[in-house]
Amino acid sequence: MTATDDDNDESTAAYARLVLSALEATVPKMKTHKGMKKRFRVTRNGKVMRHNAMCNHILTKKTADRKRRLRRASKVAETGVAKRIKRALGR
């Protein structure tokens, strides 16, 4: 073996150690729950917002004021639920 072979072996071994340490250090990425992504959004302040129910059909018997109120998004009230939603959304 010559000096260049030793240098190549050392650099290859160092590279292998580097790659292995990088692989061990990475944590698997968390996937976003696509169903929750379609139903909820997180505001800049961290509040979880949702759409209201009862505004899709049979709207003739509902008052205009009620329909207007239902169009607005509502905040998810329970903190435990909001925390789980945030985690599923990857926040």
C-alpha atoms as a PDB file:
ATOM      1  CA  MET A   1       0.000   0.000   0.000  1.00  0.00           C
ATOM      2  CA  THR A   2       1.188   3.460  -0.790  1.00  0.00           C
ATOM      3  CA  ALA A   3       0.621   6.739   0.980  1.00  0.00           C
ATOM      4  CA  THR A   4      -2.164   7.722  -1.428  1.00  0.00           C
ATOM      5  CA  ASP A   5      -4.047   4.486  -0.741  1.00  0.00           C
ATOM      6  CA  ASP A   6      -3.887   5.194   3.001  1.00  0.00           C
ATOM      7  CA  ASP A   7      -5.194   8.730   2.424  1.00  0.00           C
ATOM      8  CA  ASN A   8      -8.075   7.407   0.300  1.00  0.00           C
ATOM      9  CA  ASP A   9      -8.982   4.805   2.929  1.00  0.00           C
ATOM     10  CA  GLU A  10      -8.961   7.410   5.685  1.00  0.00           C
ATOM     11  CA  SER A  11     -11.074   9.876   3.711  1.00  0.00           C
ATOM     12  CA  THR A  12     -13.521   7.115   2.766  1.00  0.00           C
ATOM     13  CA  ALA A  13     -13.783   6.012   6.384  1.00  0.00           C
ATOM     14  CA  ALA A  14     -14.295   9.596   7.542  1.00  0.00           C
ATOM     15  CA  TYR A  15     -17.016  10.089   4.950  1.00  0.00           C
ATOM     16  CA  ALA A  16     -18.722   6.847   6.018  1.00  0.00           C
ATOM     17  CA  ARG A  17     -18.681   7.991   9.671  1.00  0.00           C
ATOM     18  CA  LEU A  18     -20.140  11.338   8.645  1.00  0.00           C
ATOM     19  CA  VAL A  19     -22.957   9.740   6.657  1.00  0.00           C
ATOM     20  CA  LEU A  20     -23.781   7.280   9.431  1.00  0.00           C
ATOM     21  CA  SER A  21     -23.873   9.996  12.074  1.00  0.00           C
ATOM     22  CA  ALA A  22     -26.156  12.091   9.867  1.00  0.00           C
ATOM     23  CA  LEU A  23     -28.494   9.152   9.338  1.00  0.00           C
ATOM     24  CA  GLU A  24     -28.652   8.409  13.055  1.00  0.00           C
ATOM     25  CA  ALA A  25     -29.286  12.055  13.936  1.00  0.00           C
ATOM     26  CA  THR A  26     -32.251  12.568  11.605  1.00  0.00           C
ATOM     27  CA  VAL A  27     -35.718  11.987  12.965  1.00  0.00           C
ATOM     28  CA  PRO A  28     -38.402  10.788  10.560  1.00  0.00           C
ATOM     29  CA  LYS A  29     -40.493  13.645   9.226  1.00  0.00           C
ATOM     30  CA  MET A  30     -43.991  14.003  10.598  1.00  0.00           C
ATOM     31  CA  LYS A  31     -46.683  13.882   7.930  1.00  0.00           C
ATOM     32  CA  THR A  32     -49.490  16.435   7.846  1.00  0.00           C
ATOM     33  CA  HIS A  33     -52.962  14.959   8.369  1.00  0.00           C
ATOM     34  CA  LYS A  34     -54.585  15.890   5.052  1.00  0.00           C
ATOM     35  CA  GLY A  35     -58.165  15.662   6.367  1.00  0.00           C
ATOM     36  CA  MET A  36     -57.402  18.109   9.165  1.00  0.00           C
ATOM     37  CA  LYS A  37     -55.525  20.374   6.781  1.00  0.00           C
ATOM     38  CA  LYS A  38     -58.763  20.768   4.789  1.00  0.00           C
ATOM     39  CA  ARG A  39     -60.918  21.433   7.859  1.00  0.00           C
ATOM     40  CA  PHE A  40     -58.793  23.594  10.165  1.00  0.00           C
ATOM     41  CA  ARG A  41     -56.296  26.423   9.935  1.00  0.00           C
ATOM     42  CA  VAL A  42     -53.906  27.844  12.503  1.00  0.00           C
ATOM     43  CA  THR A  43     -53.729  31.633  12.839  1.00  0.00           C
ATOM     44  CA  ARG A  44     -50.520  33.581  13.376  1.00  0.00           C
ATOM     45  CA  ASN A  45     -51.290  33.754  17.099  1.00  0.00           C
ATOM     46  CA  GLY A  46     -51.641  29.967  17.261  1.00  0.00           C
ATOM     47  CA  LYS A  47     -55.437  29.753  17.504  1.00  0.00           C
ATOM     48  CA  VAL A  48     -57.108  26.892  15.647  1.00  0.00           C
ATOM     49  CA  MET A  49     -60.021  28.010  13.473  1.00  0.00           C
ATOM     50  CA  ARG A  50     -62.798  25.838  12.041  1.00  0.00           C
ATOM     51  CA  HIS A  51     -65.861  26.260   9.833  1.00  0.00           C
ATOM     52  CA  ASN A  52     -69.356  26.079  11.289  1.00  0.00           C
ATOM     53  CA  ALA A  53     -71.826  23.315  10.567  1.00  0.00           C
ATOM     54  CA  MET A  54     -75.464  23.770   9.490  1.00  0.00           C
ATOM     55  CA  CYS A  55     -74.733  26.051   6.534  1.00  0.00           C
ATOM     56  CA  ASN A  56     -74.808  23.678   3.553  1.00  0.00           C
ATOM     57  CA  HIS A  57     -78.453  22.867   2.851  1.00  0.00           C
ATOM     58  CA  ILE A  58     -81.983  23.548   4.135  1.00  0.00           C
ATOM     59  CA  LEU A  59     -81.103  27.233   4.286  1.00  0.00           C
ATOM     60  CA  THR A  60     -84.579  28.613   3.535  1.00  0.00           C
ATOM     61  CA  LYS A  61     -85.807  28.255   7.108  1.00  0.00           C
ATOM     62  CA  LYS A  62     -82.679  29.863   8.596  1.00  0.00           C
ATOM     63  CA  THR A  63     -82.630  33.614   9.051  1.00  0.00           C
ATOM     64  CA  ALA A  64     -80.200  35.803   7.128  1.00  0.00           C
ATOM     65  CA  ASP A  65     -78.554  36.819  10.396  1.00  0.00           C
ATOM     66  CA  ARG A  66     -77.981  33.187  11.359  1.00  0.00           C
ATOM     67  CA  LYS A  67     -76.560  32.318   7.919  1.00  0.00           C
ATOM     68  CA  ARG A  68     -74.241  35.323   8.075  1.00  0.00           C
ATOM     69  CA  ARG A  69     -73.049  34.252  11.529  1.00  0.00           C
ATOM     70  CA  LEU A  70     -72.455  30.695  10.309  1.00  0.00           C
ATOM     71  CA  ARG A  71     -70.249  31.925   7.435  1.00  0.00           C
ATOM     72  CA  ARG A  72     -67.646  33.218   9.861  1.00  0.00           C
ATOM     73  CA  ALA A  73     -64.992  30.832  11.161  1.00  0.00           C
ATOM     74  CA  SER A  74     -65.070  29.827  14.821  1.00  0.00           C
ATOM     75  CA  LYS A  75     -62.244  29.163  17.229  1.00  0.00           C
ATOM     76  CA  VAL A  76     -61.733  25.619  18.517  1.00  0.00           C
ATOM     77  CA  ALA A  77     -62.561  26.052  22.183  1.00  0.00           C
ATOM     78  CA  GLU A  78     -60.884  23.182  24.029  1.00  0.00           C
ATOM     79  CA  THR A  79     -57.143  23.579  24.406  1.00  0.00           C
ATOM     80  CA  GLY A  80     -56.491  19.831  24.444  1.00  0.00           C
ATOM     81  CA  VAL A  81     -58.308  19.382  21.142  1.00  0.00           C
ATOM     82  CA  ALA A  82     -56.539  22.386  19.632  1.00  0.00           C
ATOM     83  CA  LYS A  83     -53.197  20.964  20.733  1.00  0.00           C
ATOM     84  CA  ARG A  84     -53.921  17.633  19.021  1.00  0.00           C
ATOM     85  CA  ILE A  85     -55.040  19.416  15.856  1.00  0.00           C
ATOM     86  CA  LYS A  86     -51.843  21.482  15.791  1.00  0.00           C
ATOM     87  CA  ARG A  87     -49.750  18.349  16.207  1.00  0.00           C
ATOM     88  CA  ALA A  88     -51.608  16.633  13.337  1.00  0.00           C
ATOM     89  CA  LEU A  89     -51.008  19.699  11.167  1.00  0.00           C
ATOM     90  CA  GLY A  90     -47.300  19.606  11.948  1.00  0.00           C
ATOM     91  CA  ARG A  91     -47.151  22.763  14.059  1.00  0.00           C
END
